[in-house]
Protein backbone atom coordinates (compact mmCIF):
# COMPACT_ATOMS: atom_id res chain seq x y z
CA MET A 1 2.06 0.02 -8.04
CA LYS A 2 -0.96 2.73 -8.65
CA GLN A 3 -2.25 0.18 -11.21
CA LEU A 4 -2.72 -2.37 -9.00
CA ILE A 5 -3.86 -0.46 -5.62
CA ARG A 6 -6.76 0.66 -8.22
CA ARG A 7 -7.42 -2.63 -9.66
CA LEU A 8 -7.98 -4.11 -5.68
CA SER A 9 -9.93 -1.65 -4.98
CA ARG A 10 -12.72 -1.88 -8.07
CA VAL A 11 -12.55 -5.35 -7.22
CA ALA A 12 -13.92 -4.57 -3.70
CA ASP A 13 -16.28 -1.60 -4.37
CA SER A 14 -17.61 -3.48 -7.50
CA SER A 15 -20.89 -4.60 -6.68
CA ASP A 16 -20.94 -7.47 -8.94
CA ALA A 17 -17.37 -8.45 -7.81
CA SER A 18 -18.34 -8.57 -4.10
CA LYS A 19 -21.39 -10.92 -5.11
CA SER A 20 -19.42 -13.37 -7.17
CA LEU A 21 -16.94 -13.00 -3.55
CA ARG A 22 -19.52 -13.50 -1.30
CA ARG A 23 -20.89 -16.56 -3.50
CA SER A 24 -17.64 -18.03 -3.44
CA SER A 25 -16.52 -16.79 0.27
CA PRO A 26 -19.52 -15.62 2.09
CA ASP A 27 -17.04 -14.28 4.84
CA VAL A 28 -16.00 -11.48 2.88
CA PRO A 29 -18.05 -8.38 3.72
CA GLN A 30 -18.42 -6.00 0.90
CA GLY A 31 -15.51 -3.42 0.72
CA HIS A 32 -13.11 -6.39 1.74
CA LEU A 33 -11.04 -8.75 0.24
CA PRO A 34 -9.24 -11.76 0.87
CA VAL A 35 -5.30 -11.82 1.26
CA TYR A 36 -2.93 -14.41 1.75
CA VAL A 37 0.14 -14.49 3.62
CA GLY A 38 3.80 -15.62 4.43
CA ASP A 39 4.51 -19.26 3.55
CA GLU A 40 1.64 -20.38 5.64
CA MET A 41 -0.64 -18.97 3.10
CA GLU A 42 -2.86 -18.07 6.14
CA ARG A 43 -5.69 -16.31 5.49
CA PHE A 44 -6.53 -13.08 5.75
CA VAL A 45 -10.07 -10.03 5.07
CA VAL A 46 -8.85 -6.72 5.02
CA SER A 47 -10.54 -3.50 4.34
CA ALA A 48 -10.01 -2.33 0.67
CA ASP A 49 -9.61 1.24 2.73
CA MET A 50 -5.98 -0.47 3.99
CA LEU A 51 -4.87 -0.44 0.54
CA SER A 52 -3.63 3.16 0.11
CA ARG A 53 -2.13 3.42 3.59
CA PRO A 54 1.68 3.68 2.88
CA ILE A 55 2.70 0.64 5.16
CA PHE A 56 0.61 -1.56 3.06
CA VAL A 57 1.24 0.27 -0.39
CA GLU A 58 4.77 -1.52 0.66
CA LEU A 59 3.47 -4.72 1.27
CA LEU A 60 1.90 -4.65 -1.81
CA ARG A 61 5.17 -3.24 -3.37
CA ARG A 62 6.87 -5.97 -2.55
CA SER A 63 4.40 -8.53 -3.37
CA ALA A 64 4.22 -7.09 -7.12
CA ALA A 65 8.31 -7.57 -7.14
CA GLU A 66 7.81 -10.79 -5.65
CA TYR A 67 4.65 -12.40 -7.51
CA GLY A 68 4.68 -9.67 -10.12
CA TYR A 69 1.27 -7.00 -10.82
CA GLU A 70 -0.71 -9.66 -13.21
CA GLN A 71 -1.19 -12.45 -9.98
CA ALA A 72 -3.81 -14.73 -10.63
CA GLY A 73 -6.44 -15.71 -8.28
CA VAL A 74 -5.38 -14.53 -4.73
CA LEU A 75 -3.59 -11.74 -3.30
CA ARG A 76 -0.66 -12.72 -1.85
CA ILE A 77 1.72 -10.83 0.44
CA PRO A 78 5.28 -12.42 0.80
CA CYS A 79 5.58 -10.69 4.47
CA PRO A 80 5.47 -13.40 7.97
CA VAL A 81 2.18 -13.84 9.35
CA SER A 82 3.20 -12.36 12.76
CA LEU A 83 4.56 -9.26 10.96
CA PHE A 84 1.53 -8.34 9.51
CA ARG A 85 -0.97 -8.87 12.11
CA ARG A 86 0.77 -6.31 13.52
CA VAL A 87 0.94 -4.16 10.80
CA LEU A 88 -2.95 -4.84 10.93
CA ARG A 89 -3.34 -3.71 14.53
CA ALA A 90 -1.30 -0.64 14.26
CA LEU A 91 -3.79 0.23 11.21
CA ARG A 92 -6.72 -0.77 12.99
CA ASP A 93 -5.64 1.35 15.82
CA GLY A 94 -4.55 4.36 13.98
CA ASP A 95 -0.83 4.22 14.94
CA ASP A 96 0.58 3.25 11.95
CA GLY A 97 2.79 6.83 12.14
CA GLY A 98 6.22 5.23 13.01
CA LEU A 99 5.41 1.73 11.43
CA SER A 100 7.76 0.51 9.13
CA LEU A 101 9.02 -2.53 7.74
CA PRO A 102 12.28 -4.13 7.74
CA ASP A 103 14.52 -4.17 4.53
CA GLU A 104 14.19 -7.65 4.69
CA PHE A 105 11.68 -10.28 5.64
CA SER A 106 13.27 -13.23 7.80
C-alpha cells in the first residue's frame, strides 16, 4: 500500500508528469490527480495530500484488492459515488476523525 501511495505521490508531484497530465487533462492542477469512482466511473480530481489520510488509504487498499497494485491507466476506486463525495467533503472540512467506511460497499 505504501508503494502505491509513494508512486501516486511522485506522479502528482513530478513536474514532468504534471505537464503531461495538463496536456491531456487541462483541468488537473499540479499536485492533484484524477480518480474514477464507482460503477459509473465518475471522475474526480483530488489533492495528492489526501492520499496519506487514513480514510483515503483504506480506499486505496480496497482499490488494490479489487484491481491490483499495477492498475494501468486511471486510478479506479471501487466505492459508491455518494460515499466518495462524503469522504471528500469530510477530508476538505478537516472532519475525518470519526469517518469510517462500511465493511462492504453496497
